[in-house]
Amino acid sequence: MRLGVPVLAAAVLVLPLLAPSGAAAQATLDQLDAKLDAMVVPFKVVDRQGGLCNSAAAASANPEIVIDSDGFGGAFVVTSVMVRAAYPGVPSTGFQFFSVSKLFINGDRFDTKTGNILGRIGGWGVWESADIMGMPVRRSSDQTNPTHGGNFPHQIVARSNGPAEEIRIRFFCRSDTEDMHIDRVLVAGWKRPGDDITVTYLPGH
């Protein structure tokens, strides 16, 4: 079917009205970018290197977990930090003298002094594991029946500062009779789709 000249001319006039202007197109792209920046996805990162928590020859040690994001200007959320002791090599005291000492978020330091994560677990071939998030803070030095205060955070929100370290968790670790090793650390939470999260366990001595 052939279009007459009046019909063709009308169609040509309508096309510019349907095509968005440069400013409108840019505004649409900006809105899309804003939605993508606000979007978050779950993440799970495992450090399988592990390392020494404390040597029986030393009084105590302060190993650390460093959680870092390569993003810029955004934020991410940590909701779980699972720590697993190595086996074989779990001392007879287990995690009895393993607690969270300090928390650093974007350079701000918070002294937590939590209670011990776990006492000794009975049985053979057991990897002792625990999630440190939400642990009660200890208000007394009683190892068996401490007075509890507040809580270690149930979730941690940190800014993504690129190469700067965002979250650092420092532990108090003691093993009186045998060396104690951490087998692995698993960190989970929420992040922006384009950001990469790294988790590093820094051994004690």
C-alpha atoms as a PDB file:
ATOM      1  CA  MET A   1       0.000   0.000   0.000  1.00  0.00           C
ATOM      2  CA  ARG A   2       1.409   3.391  -1.013  1.00  0.00           C
ATOM      3  CA  LEU A   3       1.184   6.321   1.349  1.00  0.00           C
ATOM      4  CA  GLY A   4      -0.070   9.532  -0.091  1.00  0.00           C
ATOM      5  CA  VAL A   5       2.035  12.649   0.330  1.00  0.00           C
ATOM      6  CA  PRO A   6      -0.149  14.150   3.134  1.00  0.00           C
ATOM      7  CA  VAL A   7      -0.048  10.885   5.101  1.00  0.00           C
ATOM      8  CA  LEU A   8       3.724  10.518   4.654  1.00  0.00           C
ATOM      9  CA  ALA A   9       4.308  14.098   5.726  1.00  0.00           C
ATOM     10  CA  ALA A  10       2.207  13.557   8.881  1.00  0.00           C
ATOM     11  CA  ALA A  11       4.212  10.435   9.749  1.00  0.00           C
ATOM     12  CA  VAL A  12       7.485  12.336   9.386  1.00  0.00           C
ATOM     13  CA  LEU A  13       6.179  15.061  11.694  1.00  0.00           C
ATOM     14  CA  VAL A  14       5.166  12.498  14.345  1.00  0.00           C
ATOM     15  CA  LEU A  15       8.594  10.788  14.497  1.00  0.00           C
ATOM     16  CA  PRO A  16      10.422  13.688  16.221  1.00  0.00           C
ATOM     17  CA  LEU A  17       7.625  13.825  18.770  1.00  0.00           C
ATOM     18  CA  LEU A  18       8.083  10.126  19.620  1.00  0.00           C
ATOM     19  CA  ALA A  19      11.893  10.232  19.848  1.00  0.00           C
ATOM     20  CA  PRO A  20      13.083  11.477  23.278  1.00  0.00           C
ATOM     21  CA  SER A  21      15.228  14.553  23.429  1.00  0.00           C
ATOM     22  CA  GLY A  22      18.861  14.326  24.537  1.00  0.00           C
ATOM     23  CA  ALA A  23      18.010  15.705  27.976  1.00  0.00           C
ATOM     24  CA  ALA A  24      15.107  13.292  28.445  1.00  0.00           C
ATOM     25  CA  ALA A  25      17.244  10.331  27.385  1.00  0.00           C
ATOM     26  CA  GLN A  26      19.985  11.351  29.805  1.00  0.00           C
ATOM     27  CA  ALA A  27      17.453  11.723  32.622  1.00  0.00           C
ATOM     28  CA  THR A  28      16.183   8.211  31.902  1.00  0.00           C
ATOM     29  CA  LEU A  29      19.750   6.845  32.012  1.00  0.00           C
ATOM     30  CA  ASP A  30      20.421   8.691  35.281  1.00  0.00           C
ATOM     31  CA  GLN A  31      17.305   7.166  36.840  1.00  0.00           C
ATOM     32  CA  LEU A  32      18.392   3.704  35.675  1.00  0.00           C
ATOM     33  CA  ASP A  33      21.882   4.227  37.120  1.00  0.00           C
ATOM     34  CA  ALA A  34      20.362   5.339  40.428  1.00  0.00           C
ATOM     35  CA  LYS A  35      18.223   2.174  40.549  1.00  0.00           C
ATOM     36  CA  LEU A  36      21.269   0.004  39.814  1.00  0.00           C
ATOM     37  CA  ASP A  37      23.287   1.776  42.530  1.00  0.00           C
ATOM     38  CA  ALA A  38      20.478   1.144  45.028  1.00  0.00           C
ATOM     39  CA  MET A  39      20.198  -2.531  44.075  1.00  0.00           C
ATOM     40  CA  VAL A  40      21.830  -5.063  46.384  1.00  0.00           C
ATOM     41  CA  VAL A  41      22.526  -8.769  46.030  1.00  0.00           C
ATOM     42  CA  PRO A  42      23.553 -11.392  48.595  1.00  0.00           C
ATOM     43  CA  PHE A  43      27.198 -12.388  48.821  1.00  0.00           C
ATOM     44  CA  LYS A  44      29.204 -15.154  50.471  1.00  0.00           C
ATOM     45  CA  VAL A  45      33.009 -15.110  50.683  1.00  0.00           C
ATOM     46  CA  VAL A  46      35.180 -17.816  52.265  1.00  0.00           C
ATOM     47  CA  ASP A  47      38.800 -17.480  53.380  1.00  0.00           C
ATOM     48  CA  ARG A  48      40.085 -21.067  53.290  1.00  0.00           C
ATOM     49  CA  GLN A  49      43.686 -20.158  54.123  1.00  0.00           C
ATOM     50  CA  GLY A  50      42.996 -19.893  57.842  1.00  0.00           C
ATOM     51  CA  GLY A  51      46.016 -19.971  60.079  1.00  0.00           C
ATOM     52  CA  LEU A  52      47.266 -20.004  63.635  1.00  0.00           C
ATOM     53  CA  CYS A  53      44.962 -18.584  66.274  1.00  0.00           C
ATOM     54  CA  ASN A  54      47.388 -18.948  69.158  1.00  0.00           C
ATOM     55  CA  SER A  55      50.417 -20.978  70.102  1.00  0.00           C
ATOM     56  CA  ALA A  56      50.400 -22.804  73.412  1.00  0.00           C
ATOM     57  CA  ALA A  57      53.858 -21.385  74.062  1.00  0.00           C
ATOM     58  CA  ALA A  58      52.482 -17.829  74.065  1.00  0.00           C
ATOM     59  CA  ALA A  59      50.172 -16.206  76.601  1.00  0.00           C
ATOM     60  CA  SER A  60      47.598 -14.944  74.096  1.00  0.00           C
ATOM     61  CA  ALA A  61      47.221 -13.638  70.562  1.00  0.00           C
ATOM     62  CA  ASN A  62      45.070 -11.206  68.595  1.00  0.00           C
ATOM     63  CA  PRO A  63      44.271 -12.624  65.167  1.00  0.00           C
ATOM     64  CA  GLU A  64      42.051 -10.535  62.910  1.00  0.00           C
ATOM     65  CA  ILE A  65      39.538 -10.843  60.095  1.00  0.00           C
ATOM     66  CA  VAL A  66      39.685  -8.083  57.467  1.00  0.00           C
ATOM     67  CA  ILE A  67      36.632  -7.532  55.241  1.00  0.00           C
ATOM     68  CA  ASP A  68      37.182  -5.231  52.275  1.00  0.00           C
ATOM     69  CA  SER A  69      35.114  -3.975  49.326  1.00  0.00           C
ATOM     70  CA  ASP A  70      36.573  -2.615  46.080  1.00  0.00           C
ATOM     71  CA  GLY A  71      33.566  -0.341  45.475  1.00  0.00           C
ATOM     72  CA  PHE A  72      33.626   3.439  45.757  1.00  0.00           C
ATOM     73  CA  GLY A  73      31.020   5.642  47.407  1.00  0.00           C
ATOM     74  CA  GLY A  74      28.572   2.890  48.217  1.00  0.00           C
ATOM     75  CA  ALA A  75      28.006   0.584  51.172  1.00  0.00           C
ATOM     76  CA  PHE A  76      27.698  -3.086  52.016  1.00  0.00           C
ATOM     77  CA  VAL A  77      26.230  -5.073  54.898  1.00  0.00           C
ATOM     78  CA  VAL A  78      27.722  -8.030  56.788  1.00  0.00           C
ATOM     79  CA  THR A  79      25.137 -10.263  58.454  1.00  0.00           C
ATOM     80  CA  SER A  80      27.152 -13.395  59.280  1.00  0.00           C
ATOM     81  CA  VAL A  81      30.775 -14.196  60.180  1.00  0.00           C
ATOM     82  CA  MET A  82      31.286 -17.922  60.627  1.00  0.00           C
ATOM     83  CA  VAL A  83      34.575 -19.073  62.181  1.00  0.00           C
ATOM     84  CA  ARG A  84      35.661 -22.726  62.132  1.00  0.00           C
ATOM     85  CA  ALA A  85      38.500 -24.208  64.145  1.00  0.00           C
ATOM     86  CA  ALA A  86      40.857 -26.580  62.339  1.00  0.00           C
ATOM     87  CA  TYR A  87      40.690 -30.317  62.929  1.00  0.00           C
ATOM     88  CA  PRO A  88      42.818 -32.130  63.863  1.00  0.00           C
ATOM     89  CA  GLY A  89      44.304 -29.581  66.188  1.00  0.00           C
ATOM     90  CA  VAL A  90      41.334 -28.437  68.281  1.00  0.00           C
ATOM     91  CA  PRO A  91      42.819 -28.112  71.775  1.00  0.00           C
ATOM     92  CA  SER A  92      41.150 -29.653  74.780  1.00  0.00           C
ATOM     93  CA  THR A  93      39.839 -26.232  75.767  1.00  0.00           C
ATOM     94  CA  GLY A  94      38.287 -25.760  72.300  1.00  0.00           C
ATOM     95  CA  PHE A  95      36.993 -22.225  71.731  1.00  0.00           C
ATOM     96  CA  GLN A  96      36.763 -21.644  75.476  1.00  0.00           C
ATOM     97  CA  PHE A  97      39.219 -18.734  75.356  1.00  0.00           C
ATOM     98  CA  PHE A  98      38.273 -17.237  71.987  1.00  0.00           C
ATOM     99  CA  SER A  99      36.316 -13.983  72.001  1.00  0.00           C
ATOM    100  CA  VAL A 100      35.849 -10.797  69.993  1.00  0.00           C
ATOM    101  CA  SER A 101      38.022  -8.027  71.377  1.00  0.00           C
ATOM    102  CA  LYS A 102      37.642  -5.031  69.032  1.00  0.00           C
ATOM    103  CA  LEU A 103      35.685  -3.990  65.952  1.00  0.00           C
ATOM    104  CA  PHE A 104      36.876  -1.360  63.459  1.00  0.00           C
ATOM    105  CA  ILE A 105      34.357   0.065  60.952  1.00  0.00           C
ATOM    106  CA  ASN A 106      35.802   2.529  58.416  1.00  0.00           C
ATOM    107  CA  GLY A 107      38.512   3.387  60.935  1.00  0.00           C
ATOM    108  CA  ASP A 108      36.207   3.858  63.943  1.00  0.00           C
ATOM    109  CA  ARG A 109      37.133   1.550  66.833  1.00  0.00           C
ATOM    110  CA  PHE A 110      34.665  -0.164  69.140  1.00  0.00           C
ATOM    111  CA  ASP A 111      35.752  -2.290  72.113  1.00  0.00           C
ATOM    112  CA  THR A 112      33.388  -5.242  72.335  1.00  0.00           C
ATOM    113  CA  LYS A 113      34.838  -7.724  74.907  1.00  0.00           C
ATOM    114  CA  THR A 114      32.383 -10.481  74.092  1.00  0.00           C
ATOM    115  CA  GLY A 115      32.009 -13.693  76.032  1.00  0.00           C
ATOM    116  CA  ASN A 116      33.745 -16.847  74.872  1.00  0.00           C
ATOM    117  CA  ILE A 117      32.297 -18.239  71.657  1.00  0.00           C
ATOM    118  CA  LEU A 118      32.168 -21.889  72.733  1.00  0.00           C
ATOM    119  CA  GLY A 119      33.472 -24.210  75.369  1.00  0.00           C
ATOM    120  CA  ARG A 120      34.837 -27.599  74.510  1.00  0.00           C
ATOM    121  CA  ILE A 121      32.621 -29.832  72.355  1.00  0.00           C
ATOM    122  CA  GLY A 122      32.573 -33.530  73.227  1.00  0.00           C
ATOM    123  CA  GLY A 123      33.226 -36.304  70.737  1.00  0.00           C
ATOM    124  CA  TRP A 124      35.828 -37.008  68.107  1.00  0.00           C
ATOM    125  CA  GLY A 125      36.353 -35.496  64.685  1.00  0.00           C
ATOM    126  CA  VAL A 126      34.474 -32.306  65.494  1.00  0.00           C
ATOM    127  CA  TRP A 127      35.208 -28.995  63.800  1.00  0.00           C
ATOM    128  CA  GLU A 128      34.042 -26.349  66.234  1.00  0.00           C
ATOM    129  CA  SER A 129      32.235 -23.533  64.437  1.00  0.00           C
ATOM    130  CA  ALA A 130      30.279 -20.454  65.471  1.00  0.00           C
ATOM    131  CA  ASP A 131      28.760 -17.277  64.068  1.00  0.00           C
ATOM    132  CA  ILE A 132      30.118 -14.293  65.995  1.00  0.00           C
ATOM    133  CA  MET A 133      27.333 -11.882  64.970  1.00  0.00           C
ATOM    134  CA  GLY A 134      25.042 -10.959  67.857  1.00  0.00           C
ATOM    135  CA  MET A 135      27.283 -12.425  70.562  1.00  0.00           C
ATOM    136  CA  PRO A 136      26.657 -10.985  74.058  1.00  0.00           C
ATOM    137  CA  VAL A 137      29.213  -8.556  75.426  1.00  0.00           C
ATOM    138  CA  ARG A 138      30.758  -9.657  78.710  1.00  0.00           C
ATOM    139  CA  ARG A 139      30.499  -7.330  81.729  1.00  0.00           C
ATOM    140  CA  SER A 140      32.351  -9.561  84.178  1.00  0.00           C
ATOM    141  CA  SER A 141      35.478 -11.723  84.049  1.00  0.00           C
ATOM    142  CA  ASP A 142      33.726 -14.886  85.218  1.00  0.00           C
ATOM    143  CA  GLN A 143      34.464 -17.501  82.546  1.00  0.00           C
ATOM    144  CA  THR A 144      31.711 -19.946  83.522  1.00  0.00           C
ATOM    145  CA  ASN A 145      28.876 -17.569  84.437  1.00  0.00           C
ATOM    146  CA  PRO A 146      29.644 -14.083  83.113  1.00  0.00           C
ATOM    147  CA  THR A 147      27.343 -11.097  83.472  1.00  0.00           C
ATOM    148  CA  HIS A 148      26.205 -10.148  79.982  1.00  0.00           C
ATOM    149  CA  GLY A 149      25.651  -6.636  78.721  1.00  0.00           C
ATOM    150  CA  GLY A 150      24.792  -5.539  75.214  1.00  0.00           C
ATOM    151  CA  ASN A 151      25.576  -7.382  71.986  1.00  0.00           C
ATOM    152  CA  PHE A 152      28.111  -7.476  69.239  1.00  0.00           C
ATOM    153  CA  PRO A 153      26.261  -6.109  66.161  1.00  0.00           C
ATOM    154  CA  HIS A 154      23.763  -8.391  64.464  1.00  0.00           C
ATOM    155  CA  GLN A 155      24.740  -6.656  61.221  1.00  0.00           C
ATOM    156  CA  ILE A 156      27.508  -4.242  60.236  1.00  0.00           C
ATOM    157  CA  VAL A 157      27.079  -1.542  57.597  1.00  0.00           C
ATOM    158  CA  ALA A 158      30.281  -0.086  56.161  1.00  0.00           C
ATOM    159  CA  ARG A 159      31.134   2.394  53.407  1.00  0.00           C
ATOM    160  CA  SER A 160      32.994   1.048  50.389  1.00  0.00           C
ATOM    161  CA  ASN A 161      36.237   3.014  50.312  1.00  0.00           C
ATOM    162  CA  GLY A 162      38.043   1.195  47.510  1.00  0.00           C
ATOM    163  CA  PRO A 163      41.551   0.208  48.668  1.00  0.00           C
ATOM    164  CA  ALA A 164      40.928   1.231  52.300  1.00  0.00           C
ATOM    165  CA  GLU A 165      39.954  -1.488  54.760  1.00  0.00           C
ATOM    166  CA  GLU A 166      36.287  -1.222  55.727  1.00  0.00           C
ATOM    167  CA  ILE A 167      35.849  -3.772  58.538  1.00  0.00           C
ATOM    168  CA  ARG A 168      38.443  -5.286  60.848  1.00  0.00           C
ATOM    169  CA  ILE A 169      37.477  -7.731  63.617  1.00  0.00           C
ATOM    170  CA  ARG A 170      40.134  -8.415  66.263  1.00  0.00           C
ATOM    171  CA  PHE A 171      39.952 -11.504  68.452  1.00  0.00           C
ATOM    172  CA  PHE A 172      41.420 -12.587  71.754  1.00  0.00           C
ATOM    173  CA  CYS A 173      42.718 -16.123  71.391  1.00  0.00           C
ATOM    174  CA  ARG A 174      44.348 -18.361  74.011  1.00  0.00           C
ATOM    175  CA  SER A 175      45.120 -22.072  74.040  1.00  0.00           C
ATOM    176  CA  ASP A 176      46.861 -23.234  77.186  1.00  0.00           C
ATOM    177  CA  THR A 177      47.903 -26.764  76.232  1.00  0.00           C
ATOM    178  CA  GLU A 178      48.024 -27.059  72.412  1.00  0.00           C
ATOM    179  CA  ASP A 179      48.346 -24.808  69.398  1.00  0.00           C
ATOM    180  CA  MET A 180      44.987 -23.744  67.997  1.00  0.00           C
ATOM    181  CA  HIS A 181      44.351 -23.085  64.301  1.00  0.00           C
ATOM    182  CA  ILE A 182      41.463 -21.535  62.379  1.00  0.00           C
ATOM    183  CA  ASP A 183      40.463 -23.666  59.402  1.00  0.00           C
ATOM    184  CA  ARG A 184      38.330 -21.118  57.553  1.00  0.00           C
ATOM    185  CA  VAL A 185      36.176 -18.011  57.842  1.00  0.00           C
ATOM    186  CA  LEU A 186      32.905 -17.429  55.969  1.00  0.00           C
ATOM    187  CA  VAL A 187      31.416 -13.941  55.647  1.00  0.00           C
ATOM    188  CA  ALA A 188      27.926 -13.321  54.200  1.00  0.00           C
ATOM    189  CA  GLY A 189      25.762 -10.271  53.671  1.00  0.00           C
ATOM    190  CA  TRP A 190      24.543  -7.845  51.003  1.00  0.00           C
ATOM    191  CA  LYS A 191      26.461  -5.751  48.464  1.00  0.00           C
ATOM    192  CA  ARG A 192      26.060  -3.832  45.227  1.00  0.00           C
ATOM    193  CA  PRO A 193      26.202  -6.078  42.130  1.00  0.00           C
ATOM    194  CA  GLY A 194      29.435  -4.583  40.773  1.00  0.00           C
ATOM    195  CA  ASP A 195      31.431  -4.671  44.017  1.00  0.00           C
ATOM    196  CA  ASP A 196      33.818  -7.452  45.017  1.00  0.00           C
ATOM    197  CA  ILE A 197      34.199  -8.388  48.693  1.00  0.00           C
ATOM    198  CA  THR A 198      37.408  -9.965  50.011  1.00  0.00           C
ATOM    199  CA  VAL A 199      37.920 -11.673  53.370  1.00  0.00           C
ATOM    200  CA  THR A 200      41.353 -12.208  54.893  1.00  0.00           C
ATOM    201  CA  TYR A 201      42.239 -14.012  58.127  1.00  0.00           C
ATOM    202  CA  LEU A 202      45.396 -12.587  59.733  1.00  0.00           C
ATOM    203  CA  PRO A 203      46.894 -15.277  62.005  1.00  0.00           C
ATOM    204  CA  GLY A 204      47.888 -14.834  65.633  1.00  0.00           C
ATOM    205  CA  HIS A 205      51.244 -16.024  66.975  1.00  0.00           C
END
